[in-house]
Protein backbone atom coordinates (compact mmCIF):
# COMPACT_ATOMS: atom_id res chain seq x y z
CA MET A 1 0.00 0.00 0.00
CA ASP A 2 1.27 3.49 -0.89
CA THR A 3 1.46 5.43 2.41
CA SER A 4 3.19 8.54 1.08
CA ASN A 5 0.03 10.68 1.31
CA LEU A 6 -1.14 9.35 4.66
CA GLN A 7 -0.63 10.91 8.05
CA LYS A 8 2.09 9.17 10.00
CA VAL A 9 1.00 7.68 13.34
CA VAL A 10 3.47 6.01 15.71
CA LEU A 11 2.47 3.95 18.72
CA VAL A 12 5.30 4.12 21.25
CA ILE A 13 5.60 1.37 23.84
CA PRO A 14 7.73 2.89 26.63
CA ASN A 15 10.55 1.02 28.29
CA THR A 16 9.13 -0.20 31.60
CA ASN A 17 12.72 -0.46 32.90
CA TRP A 18 13.11 3.34 32.97
CA TYR A 19 13.12 4.88 36.47
CA ASN A 20 14.37 1.62 38.01
CA ARG A 21 11.01 -0.07 37.77
CA ARG A 22 10.62 -3.81 37.38
CA PRO A 23 10.48 -4.64 33.66
CA TRP A 24 7.00 -5.66 32.54
CA MET A 25 7.73 -8.03 29.69
CA ILE A 26 4.16 -8.86 28.73
CA SER A 27 3.21 -8.02 25.17
CA ASN A 28 0.84 -5.07 24.93
CA ASN A 29 -2.57 -6.32 23.78
CA CYS A 30 -3.61 -2.74 22.97
CA ALA A 31 -0.90 -2.65 20.30
CA PHE A 32 -2.66 -5.44 18.43
CA VAL A 33 -6.01 -3.65 18.67
CA LEU A 34 -4.54 -0.34 17.45
CA THR A 35 -2.74 -2.04 14.58
CA ALA A 36 -6.02 -3.47 13.35
CA LEU A 37 -7.80 -0.11 13.74
CA LEU A 38 -5.20 2.21 12.20
CA LYS A 39 -3.04 0.34 9.68
CA ASP A 40 -5.39 0.79 6.70
CA ASP A 41 -5.99 4.54 7.12
CA TYR A 42 -2.59 5.82 8.27
CA ASP A 43 1.10 5.29 7.81
CA PHE A 44 1.14 3.36 11.07
CA SER A 45 4.11 1.89 12.91
CA ILE A 46 5.08 0.69 16.38
CA LEU A 47 8.18 1.90 18.21
CA ASP A 48 8.72 -0.73 20.90
CA ALA A 49 11.20 0.75 23.36
CA ASN A 50 10.28 -1.91 25.89
CA GLY A 51 11.06 -5.01 23.85
CA SER A 52 14.25 -3.41 22.50
CA ASP A 53 15.27 -1.96 25.90
CA MET A 54 15.78 1.48 24.34
CA SER A 55 17.07 4.49 26.23
CA LYS A 56 15.15 7.76 26.10
CA ALA A 57 17.83 9.19 23.82
CA GLU A 58 17.36 6.32 21.41
CA VAL A 59 13.59 6.84 21.37
CA LYS A 60 14.19 10.49 20.52
CA ARG A 61 16.52 9.54 17.65
CA GLN A 62 13.93 7.13 16.28
CA LEU A 63 11.17 9.75 16.44
CA LEU A 64 13.40 12.29 14.70
CA ASP A 65 13.82 9.77 11.88
CA LEU A 66 10.17 8.76 11.74
CA LYS A 67 8.77 12.34 11.86
CA PRO A 68 5.29 11.27 13.02
CA ASP A 69 2.24 13.50 12.83
CA ALA A 70 0.85 11.85 15.96
CA VAL A 71 2.40 9.85 18.79
CA LEU A 72 0.18 7.43 20.70
CA VAL A 73 0.82 5.69 24.03
CA SER A 74 -1.42 3.06 25.59
CA GLY A 75 -1.18 3.35 29.38
CA VAL A 76 -1.97 -0.17 30.49
CA SER A 77 -0.96 0.28 34.16
CA ILE A 78 -0.78 3.19 36.59
CA GLU A 79 2.56 1.78 37.77
CA TYR A 80 4.33 2.95 34.61
CA ARG A 81 2.80 6.44 34.36
CA LYS A 82 6.22 8.14 34.48
CA GLN A 83 7.28 6.17 31.43
CA TYR A 84 4.17 7.19 29.48
CA HIS A 85 4.64 10.88 30.22
CA ALA A 86 8.36 10.63 29.42
CA VAL A 87 7.45 9.57 25.89
CA PHE A 88 5.39 12.72 25.35
CA SER A 89 8.26 14.89 26.60
CA ILE A 90 10.62 13.12 24.20
CA ALA A 91 8.12 13.41 21.33
CA ARG A 92 7.77 17.18 21.84
CA GLN A 93 11.55 17.55 21.99
CA ALA A 94 11.71 15.85 18.60
CA ASP A 95 8.82 17.91 17.21
CA PRO A 96 7.11 20.64 19.29
CA ASP A 97 4.01 20.44 17.06
CA VAL A 98 3.41 16.71 17.12
CA ILE A 99 -0.02 15.57 18.32
CA THR A 100 0.24 13.40 21.44
CA ILE A 101 -2.51 11.04 22.61
CA LEU A 102 -2.72 8.86 25.72
CA GLY A 103 -5.24 6.02 26.01
CA GLY A 104 -5.62 2.85 28.04
CA SER A 105 -6.50 1.82 31.57
CA TYR A 106 -4.46 4.49 33.35
CA CYS A 107 -6.24 7.46 31.84
CA THR A 108 -9.64 5.74 31.72
CA LEU A 109 -9.50 5.30 35.49
CA LEU A 110 -7.66 8.56 36.30
CA PRO A 111 -8.21 11.01 33.41
CA GLU A 112 -7.55 14.20 35.38
CA ASP A 113 -4.35 12.83 36.93
CA ALA A 114 -3.23 11.70 33.49
CA ILE A 115 -3.41 15.17 31.94
CA LYS A 116 -3.06 17.76 34.72
CA ASP A 117 0.73 17.75 35.10
CA ASP A 118 1.72 17.06 31.49
CA PRO A 119 1.90 20.10 29.19
CA ASN A 120 3.17 17.82 26.41
CA LEU A 121 -0.09 15.87 26.17
CA SER A 122 -2.61 16.94 23.54
CA TYR A 123 -5.45 14.54 24.28
CA VAL A 124 -6.48 11.83 26.70
CA PHE A 125 -8.73 9.19 25.15
CA ILE A 126 -11.00 7.52 27.70
CA GLY A 127 -12.49 4.05 27.21
CA HIS A 128 -12.52 1.58 24.34
CA ALA A 129 -10.79 2.38 21.07
CA GLU A 130 -12.68 -0.06 18.84
CA GLU A 131 -15.87 1.91 18.21
CA ARG A 132 -14.60 5.48 18.68
CA LEU A 133 -10.93 5.96 17.82
CA GLY A 134 -11.44 6.14 14.05
CA ALA A 135 -13.76 9.16 14.14
CA PHE A 136 -11.58 10.81 16.79
CA MET A 137 -8.42 10.53 14.67
CA GLU A 138 -10.22 11.78 11.56
CA LYS A 139 -11.38 14.93 13.35
CA ILE A 140 -7.92 15.58 14.80
CA PHE A 141 -6.20 15.47 11.43
CA ALA A 142 -8.99 17.45 9.74
CA LYS A 143 -8.57 20.10 12.47
CA ASP A 144 -12.31 19.80 13.04
CA PRO A 145 -13.27 21.87 16.12
CA GLU A 146 -15.91 19.22 16.88
CA VAL A 147 -13.11 16.99 18.17
CA LYS A 148 -13.39 18.91 21.44
CA ASN A 149 -17.02 17.88 21.81
CA ILE A 150 -16.37 14.16 21.49
CA GLU A 151 -17.33 12.23 24.59
CA GLY A 152 -14.62 10.37 26.44
CA VAL A 153 -11.89 12.90 25.62
CA ALA A 154 -9.82 15.16 27.89
CA PHE A 155 -7.67 18.11 26.80
CA ARG A 156 -6.67 21.68 27.64
CA ASP A 157 -8.75 24.45 26.11
CA GLU A 158 -7.39 27.69 24.64
CA ASN A 159 -7.04 29.16 28.14
CA GLY A 160 -5.09 26.19 29.43
CA ARG A 161 -7.97 24.86 31.51
CA ILE A 162 -8.48 21.11 31.61
CA ARG A 163 -11.70 19.88 30.04
CA ILE A 164 -12.89 16.32 30.51
CA ASN A 165 -15.80 15.19 28.35
CA PRO A 166 -17.18 12.15 30.18
CA LEU A 167 -18.59 9.17 28.38
CA SER A 168 -22.37 9.41 28.08
CA LYS A 169 -22.48 6.02 29.77
CA LYS A 170 -20.09 5.33 32.63
CA VAL A 171 -18.74 2.34 30.69
CA VAL A 172 -19.26 1.66 27.00
CA GLN A 173 -19.72 -2.10 26.68
CA LEU A 174 -18.33 -3.43 23.44
CA LYS A 175 -20.74 -5.45 21.30
CA GLU A 176 -18.09 -6.81 18.93
CA LEU A 177 -14.32 -7.17 19.00
CA ARG A 178 -12.07 -6.19 16.14
CA ASP A 179 -9.69 -9.01 15.23
CA LEU A 180 -6.25 -8.53 16.71
CA ASP A 181 -3.34 -7.92 14.34
CA TYR A 182 0.09 -9.08 15.53
CA SER A 183 1.97 -8.36 12.31
CA TYR A 184 3.42 -4.90 13.08
CA MET A 185 5.32 -5.84 16.23
CA ASP A 186 8.24 -8.16 16.92
CA LEU A 187 7.04 -10.35 19.78
CA SER A 188 10.33 -12.21 20.25
CA PRO A 189 11.48 -10.30 23.39
CA TYR A 190 8.25 -11.18 25.20
CA LEU A 191 8.24 -14.93 24.66
CA ASP A 192 11.17 -16.37 26.59
CA GLN A 193 11.81 -14.88 30.01
CA GLU A 194 12.48 -15.81 33.62
CA HIS A 195 10.27 -14.61 36.45
CA MET A 196 8.86 -15.94 39.71
CA ASP A 197 5.19 -15.84 38.71
CA PHE A 198 3.58 -19.23 38.39
CA MET A 199 0.50 -17.71 36.76
CA ALA A 200 2.48 -16.03 33.98
CA ASN A 201 5.28 -18.45 33.21
CA GLY A 202 5.47 -21.36 30.85
CA PRO A 203 7.95 -23.84 29.42
CA GLY A 204 9.87 -22.34 26.52
CA LYS A 205 8.35 -19.64 24.36
CA THR A 206 5.18 -18.47 26.05
CA PHE A 207 2.50 -16.04 24.88
CA MET A 208 -0.38 -14.54 26.85
CA LEU A 209 -3.56 -14.72 24.82
CA MET A 210 -6.79 -12.85 25.50
CA SER A 211 -9.74 -14.61 23.87
CA SER A 212 -12.53 -12.55 25.47
CA ARG A 213 -13.02 -9.32 27.35
CA GLY A 214 -15.17 -8.39 30.29
CA CYS A 215 -16.91 -10.14 33.18
CA PRO A 216 -20.57 -10.11 34.28
CA HIS A 217 -19.76 -10.40 37.98
CA ASN A 218 -19.31 -7.67 40.56
CA CYS A 219 -16.36 -8.48 42.82
CA VAL A 220 -15.64 -5.66 45.23
CA PHE A 221 -11.97 -5.16 44.32
CA CYS A 222 -12.18 -5.46 40.53
CA ALA A 223 -11.77 -2.39 38.29
CA ASN A 224 -12.76 -4.35 35.21
CA LYS A 225 -16.38 -3.20 35.25
CA ASN A 226 -15.09 0.40 34.99
CA LEU A 227 -12.88 -0.55 32.04
CA GLN A 228 -14.83 -3.22 30.15
CA GLY A 229 -18.37 -3.07 31.51
CA ARG A 230 -20.30 -5.84 33.21
CA GLY A 231 -20.66 -8.02 30.16
CA LEU A 232 -18.68 -10.42 28.02
CA VAL A 233 -17.61 -10.19 24.42
CA PHE A 234 -15.71 -13.00 22.70
CA TYR A 235 -13.32 -13.59 19.87
CA SER A 236 -14.57 -16.54 17.87
CA ALA A 237 -13.01 -19.95 18.52
CA GLU A 238 -11.91 -19.97 14.89
CA LYS A 239 -10.06 -16.64 15.31
CA VAL A 240 -8.43 -17.75 18.57
CA LEU A 241 -7.12 -20.94 16.98
CA SER A 242 -5.98 -19.06 13.86
CA ASP A 243 -4.01 -16.61 16.03
CA MET A 244 -2.45 -19.48 17.95
CA GLU A 245 -1.28 -21.16 14.76
CA TYR A 246 0.11 -17.85 13.44
CA LEU A 247 2.12 -17.35 16.65
CA ILE A 248 3.38 -20.94 16.60
CA ALA A 249 4.43 -20.74 12.96
CA THR A 250 5.96 -17.25 13.22
CA TYR A 251 7.63 -17.39 16.63
CA ASP A 252 7.74 -21.07 17.52
CA VAL A 253 5.51 -20.43 20.55
CA ASN A 254 5.00 -23.67 22.46
CA HIS A 255 2.94 -22.51 25.47
CA PHE A 256 -0.12 -20.24 25.67
CA ILE A 257 -1.64 -18.61 28.73
CA PHE A 258 -5.28 -17.57 28.47
CA ILE A 259 -5.63 -14.39 30.53
CA ASP A 260 -9.39 -13.88 30.11
CA ASP A 261 -11.35 -13.02 33.22
CA LEU A 262 -13.89 -15.73 32.40
CA PHE A 263 -12.46 -18.03 29.73
CA LEU A 264 -14.71 -20.98 30.66
CA TYR A 265 -17.99 -19.04 30.59
CA ASP A 266 -19.26 -20.28 27.20
CA ARG A 267 -18.89 -24.07 27.34
CA ASP A 268 -19.58 -24.68 23.64
CA ARG A 269 -16.93 -22.15 22.63
CA VAL A 270 -14.43 -23.55 25.13
CA ASP A 271 -15.04 -27.09 23.87
CA GLU A 272 -14.38 -25.89 20.31
CA ILE A 273 -11.14 -24.18 21.34
CA ILE A 274 -9.98 -27.26 23.26
CA ARG A 275 -10.72 -29.53 20.30
CA GLY A 276 -8.82 -27.11 18.08
CA ILE A 277 -5.79 -27.10 20.39
CA SER A 278 -5.84 -30.91 20.41
CA ALA A 279 -5.77 -30.81 16.60
CA LEU A 280 -2.88 -28.33 16.66
CA ARG A 281 -0.95 -30.69 18.95
CA LYS A 282 -0.95 -33.32 16.21
CA LYS A 283 1.01 -30.86 14.08
CA TYR A 284 2.94 -29.33 16.99
CA PRO A 285 3.33 -32.11 19.61
CA GLY A 286 5.10 -29.93 22.20
CA LEU A 287 2.22 -27.42 22.46
CA THR A 288 0.90 -26.81 26.00
CA TRP A 289 -1.30 -24.18 27.65
CA HIS A 290 -2.97 -23.07 30.86
CA HIS A 291 -5.57 -20.60 32.07
CA ALA A 292 -4.37 -18.07 34.65
CA ASN A 293 -7.67 -17.33 36.39
CA VAL A 294 -9.99 -20.35 36.38
CA SER A 295 -13.62 -19.99 37.45
CA ALA A 296 -13.84 -23.12 39.61
CA TRP A 297 -17.63 -23.41 39.32
CA HIS A 298 -17.31 -24.15 35.60
CA LEU A 299 -15.06 -27.18 36.07
CA ASP A 300 -16.18 -30.80 35.88
CA PRO A 301 -14.33 -34.11 35.25
CA GLU A 302 -15.21 -34.20 31.55
CA LEU A 303 -13.91 -30.68 30.93
CA LEU A 304 -10.74 -31.27 32.96
CA SER A 305 -10.04 -34.49 31.08
CA ALA A 306 -10.41 -32.69 27.74
CA MET A 307 -8.20 -29.83 28.94
CA LYS A 308 -5.50 -32.23 30.08
CA GLU A 309 -5.62 -34.16 26.82
CA SER A 310 -5.24 -30.90 24.88
CA GLY A 311 -2.04 -30.01 26.75
CA CYS A 312 -3.32 -27.95 29.71
CA ASP A 313 -0.68 -28.56 32.36
CA LYS A 314 -1.95 -26.61 35.37
CA ILE A 315 -5.02 -25.01 36.89
CA ILE A 316 -4.91 -21.72 38.82
CA ILE A 317 -8.07 -20.88 40.75
CA SER A 318 -8.88 -17.54 42.31
CA ILE A 319 -10.52 -18.70 45.54
CA GLU A 320 -9.98 -15.35 47.32
CA SER A 321 -11.06 -16.28 50.87
CA GLY A 322 -11.39 -19.24 53.20
CA SER A 323 -14.36 -17.55 54.88
CA LYS A 324 -17.82 -18.10 53.39
CA ARG A 325 -19.03 -14.81 54.82
CA VAL A 326 -16.15 -12.79 53.37
CA LEU A 327 -16.50 -14.49 50.00
CA SER A 328 -20.25 -13.84 49.64
CA LYS A 329 -20.91 -10.72 51.71
CA ILE A 330 -17.74 -8.65 51.19
CA ILE A 331 -16.07 -9.87 48.00
CA ARG A 332 -19.35 -10.85 46.27
CA LYS A 333 -17.68 -13.57 44.21
CA PRO A 334 -20.13 -16.17 42.80
CA LEU A 335 -18.12 -19.08 44.20
CA LYS A 336 -19.35 -21.62 46.73
CA LEU A 337 -16.46 -22.49 49.00
CA ASP A 338 -17.80 -26.01 49.56
CA ILE A 339 -16.99 -27.05 45.98
CA ILE A 340 -13.26 -26.26 46.22
CA PRO A 341 -12.02 -29.50 47.87
CA GLY A 342 -13.86 -31.46 45.19
CA VAL A 343 -12.36 -29.29 42.45
CA VAL A 344 -8.87 -29.88 43.84
CA LYS A 345 -9.58 -33.63 43.88
CA MET A 346 -10.81 -33.51 40.26
CA CYS A 347 -7.65 -31.68 39.20
CA ARG A 348 -5.47 -34.25 40.96
CA GLU A 349 -7.34 -37.08 39.25
CA ALA A 350 -6.90 -35.36 35.89
CA GLY A 351 -3.14 -35.12 36.49
CA MET A 352 -3.10 -31.32 36.75
CA ASP A 353 -0.82 -29.16 38.85
CA ILE A 354 -2.99 -26.82 40.90
CA GLY A 355 -2.41 -23.38 42.38
CA ALA A 356 -4.68 -20.78 43.89
CA ASN A 357 -4.90 -17.09 44.73
CA PHE A 358 -6.28 -15.59 47.93
CA VAL A 359 -6.78 -12.02 49.13
CA ILE A 360 -6.66 -10.72 52.71
CA GLY A 361 -7.21 -7.37 54.42
CA LEU A 362 -10.67 -6.31 53.24
CA PRO A 363 -12.78 -3.78 55.15
CA GLY A 364 -15.14 -5.73 57.40
CA GLU A 365 -12.91 -8.83 57.45
CA THR A 366 -11.94 -10.01 60.92
CA TRP A 367 -8.52 -11.22 62.00
CA GLU A 368 -10.03 -14.66 62.59
CA GLU A 369 -11.41 -14.74 59.04
CA ILE A 370 -7.97 -13.85 57.69
CA ARG A 371 -6.57 -16.81 59.64
CA GLN A 372 -9.37 -18.99 58.21
CA THR A 373 -8.10 -18.18 54.72
CA PHE A 374 -4.60 -19.43 55.53
CA ALA A 375 -6.00 -22.51 57.28
CA PHE A 376 -8.22 -23.31 54.28
CA ALA A 377 -5.31 -22.96 51.85
CA ASP A 378 -3.22 -25.23 54.06
CA GLU A 379 -5.94 -27.91 54.23
CA LEU A 380 -6.30 -28.00 50.44
CA ASN A 381 -2.67 -29.11 50.02
CA LEU A 382 -2.26 -27.12 46.81
CA ASP A 383 0.92 -27.15 44.76
CA LEU A 384 1.17 -23.38 45.29
CA ALA A 385 -0.90 -20.79 47.10
CA HIS A 386 -0.39 -17.06 46.69
CA PHE A 387 -1.78 -14.48 49.09
CA HIS A 388 -2.46 -10.86 48.12
CA ILE A 389 -3.19 -7.85 50.30
CA ALA A 390 -6.40 -6.10 49.24
CA THR A 391 -5.51 -2.94 47.34
CA PRO A 392 -8.18 -0.40 46.32
CA GLN A 393 -8.22 0.40 42.61
CA PRO A 394 -9.69 3.64 41.19
CA GLY A 395 -13.46 3.61 40.90
CA THR A 396 -13.95 0.26 42.64
CA ASP A 397 -16.39 -0.49 45.42
CA LEU A 398 -13.40 -1.44 47.57
CA TYR A 399 -12.04 2.09 47.21
CA LYS A 400 -15.40 3.64 48.09
CA MET A 401 -15.74 1.38 51.14
CA SER A 402 -12.21 2.24 52.24
CA VAL A 403 -12.76 6.00 51.89
CA ASP A 404 -16.20 5.95 53.50
CA GLY A 405 -14.91 3.91 56.42
CA GLY A 406 -11.80 6.02 56.93
CA TYR A 407 -9.57 2.99 56.37
CA LEU A 408 -6.98 4.69 54.15
CA PRO A 409 -4.15 7.01 55.28
CA PRO A 410 -4.81 10.75 54.78
CA ASP A 411 -2.07 10.97 52.12
CA PHE A 412 -3.25 7.93 50.15
CA SER A 413 -2.77 8.31 46.41
CA PHE A 414 -2.98 5.91 43.50
CA LEU A 415 0.16 7.66 42.22
CA ASP A 416 2.17 6.88 45.37
CA GLU A 417 5.05 4.66 44.28
CA ARG A 418 4.51 2.43 47.30
CA PHE A 419 1.24 1.49 45.61
CA PHE A 420 3.06 0.09 42.57
CA GLY A 421 3.61 -3.63 42.43
CA TYR A 422 0.71 -4.14 44.87
CA CYS A 423 3.05 -5.41 47.59
CA GLU A 424 2.06 -2.87 50.24
CA GLY A 425 -1.14 -2.77 52.23
CA PHE A 426 -2.89 0.57 52.76
CA ILE A 427 -6.19 -0.42 54.36
CA GLU A 428 -6.19 -0.32 58.18
CA THR A 429 -9.13 -1.25 60.40
CA ASP A 430 -9.61 -2.10 64.06
CA GLU A 431 -8.88 -5.73 63.08
CA PHE A 432 -5.52 -5.32 61.33
CA THR A 433 -2.78 -2.95 60.22
CA PRO A 434 -0.91 -3.07 56.89
CA GLN A 435 2.26 -4.12 58.70
CA GLU A 436 0.50 -7.04 60.38
CA LEU A 437 -0.84 -8.19 57.01
CA LYS A 438 2.61 -8.03 55.39
CA VAL A 439 4.23 -10.06 58.16
CA LEU A 440 1.46 -12.64 58.28
CA ARG A 441 1.32 -13.03 54.50
CA ALA A 442 5.07 -13.51 54.09
CA TYR A 443 5.42 -16.10 56.82
CA GLU A 444 2.23 -18.03 56.07
CA TRP A 445 3.11 -18.15 52.36
CA ASP A 446 6.41 -19.69 53.36
CA ARG A 447 4.93 -22.12 55.88
CA ILE A 448 2.10 -23.38 53.65
CA ASN A 449 4.01 -23.77 50.40
CA PHE A 450 7.36 -25.14 51.57
CA SER A 451 6.62 -27.39 54.53
CA THR A 452 8.37 -30.49 53.11
CA PRO A 453 11.23 -31.20 50.70
CA GLN A 454 8.67 -32.62 48.28
CA LYS A 455 6.60 -29.41 48.33
CA ILE A 456 9.74 -27.30 47.85
CA LYS A 457 10.72 -29.38 44.82
CA LYS A 458 7.22 -29.13 43.36
CA ALA A 459 7.06 -25.37 43.97
CA ALA A 460 10.42 -24.92 42.22
CA GLN A 461 9.00 -26.76 39.21
CA MET A 462 5.95 -24.49 39.12
CA TYR A 463 8.07 -21.36 39.54
CA MET A 464 10.35 -22.80 36.84
CA THR A 465 13.46 -22.22 38.89
CA LEU A 466 16.07 -24.20 40.81
CA VAL A 467 15.55 -25.17 44.44
CA ASP A 468 18.54 -23.05 45.51
CA LYS A 469 17.11 -19.99 43.74
CA LEU A 470 13.70 -20.64 45.23
CA ASN A 471 15.15 -20.84 48.73
CA GLU A 472 16.91 -17.51 48.20
CA HIS A 473 13.62 -16.03 46.98
CA ARG A 474 11.98 -17.32 50.16
CA ARG A 475 14.66 -15.67 52.30
CA GLN A 476 14.27 -12.35 50.51
CA THR A 477 10.48 -12.55 50.76
CA ARG A 478 10.66 -13.08 54.51
CA ARG A 479 13.18 -10.29 55.01
CA LYS A 480 11.47 -7.78 52.72
CA LEU A 481 7.98 -9.02 53.63
CA GLY A 482 7.16 -9.58 49.98
CA VAL A 483 8.19 -6.12 48.77
CA HIS A 484 10.60 -6.73 45.90
CA VAL A 485 9.93 -3.85 43.53
CA ASN A 486 10.11 -0.42 45.20
CA LYS A 487 13.70 0.58 44.52
CA ASP A 488 15.40 3.96 44.60
CA GLU A 489 17.67 5.38 41.91
CA ARG A 490 20.54 3.21 43.26
CA GLY A 491 18.46 0.04 42.90
CA ILE A 492 18.14 -0.36 46.69
CA ASN A 493 14.80 -1.38 48.13
CA ARG A 494 13.15 1.60 49.81
CA LEU A 495 11.15 -0.34 52.37
């Protein structure tokens, strides 16, 4: 296609390693959405500073060469906000007149924070791109004054005042997904990496695949309903399997992780995907997969058997609490705790490794109920159990409960760097303090998961590390109380 007469649009993926942050080496799903939306109408390209580990100076050199008319950044996490804003500073150094646009979760949840301190940012785009970005970009390049009346956009007016046009509906629920396009980005840096996250690791070249978006449920701590809406929209089984084969053929991917919030929701679709993966395994015998957030109430022996036969090697269930009251009355998760021992038994019989996630420190939760969660995890005899301290996200019911109850410190901010990495607790009630939660979590995690040499060996396999490295990780977790990421400019842990 001749692009010489088209406006040049560059999506920049910032280097998450800037500012001594932990590198986030997960491929940016928004890049694949934007490629599909923009490649036919613009001279579109992706500048991946993250995968290439570029310095800021190198990003500037690349932008000077590319001479874009617009620079886009997708802010997928509040944790890396400094990196996003650094790109806009660099872009304006390269060209003071370039149009700069920030989208993604960060600015959808915190639009005013995203724009108020950044004079280099032209527009903040709030919400989904699929049904709205095309018209927005057209109006920008046509210099149509109506662009400033588009809903879900924030900007500074002629007097420098911030204007935020809210969405007419709090969340725009997508009715249809645009097929993802992986062809404009080199995924190689994101496929083969070492990290201590049993949910996000896999043997060999591993890719995280999202086959649906959204969730109909209403868990107290989840920001997804503010980002996706309380509904589900799916990529077809045919498209999912086609993407998998493309990634296998192009990058030799041999393990997939489904990161959907509710992958198992539509049984017919799941059965079709599983049959398709089994067929792919005949062509690619080493292919394996797992789902990082299994809805336990959808599991049964027949499904587990089919999953195992198709190469699913582990199950990770988000149980959340060992207290029935906390699970139903505070968290509001549609999970009956009584089914979990049977689910664990089914997984064992199917030959699956099994891990689980729990959360502690919710407003209204008692100290005894927190101890019940650890006792329940211990009784299940899982291969791995992870415990998370409840952290309020913007716009969630958990945040509202925490503010209304006076459970957060007066200086609490989502932009506080102690918030990043979600290792710190901030909620404090008459039942617990953040420090108590950190100590209890670190030591119970160690006691429950590593009580015998056999469990240590199994945990090392699931973490995909050596026993010696795992034992050092255990020591550091106990000594730092699970806080591994908040480092100063010298690389020394702040806390």
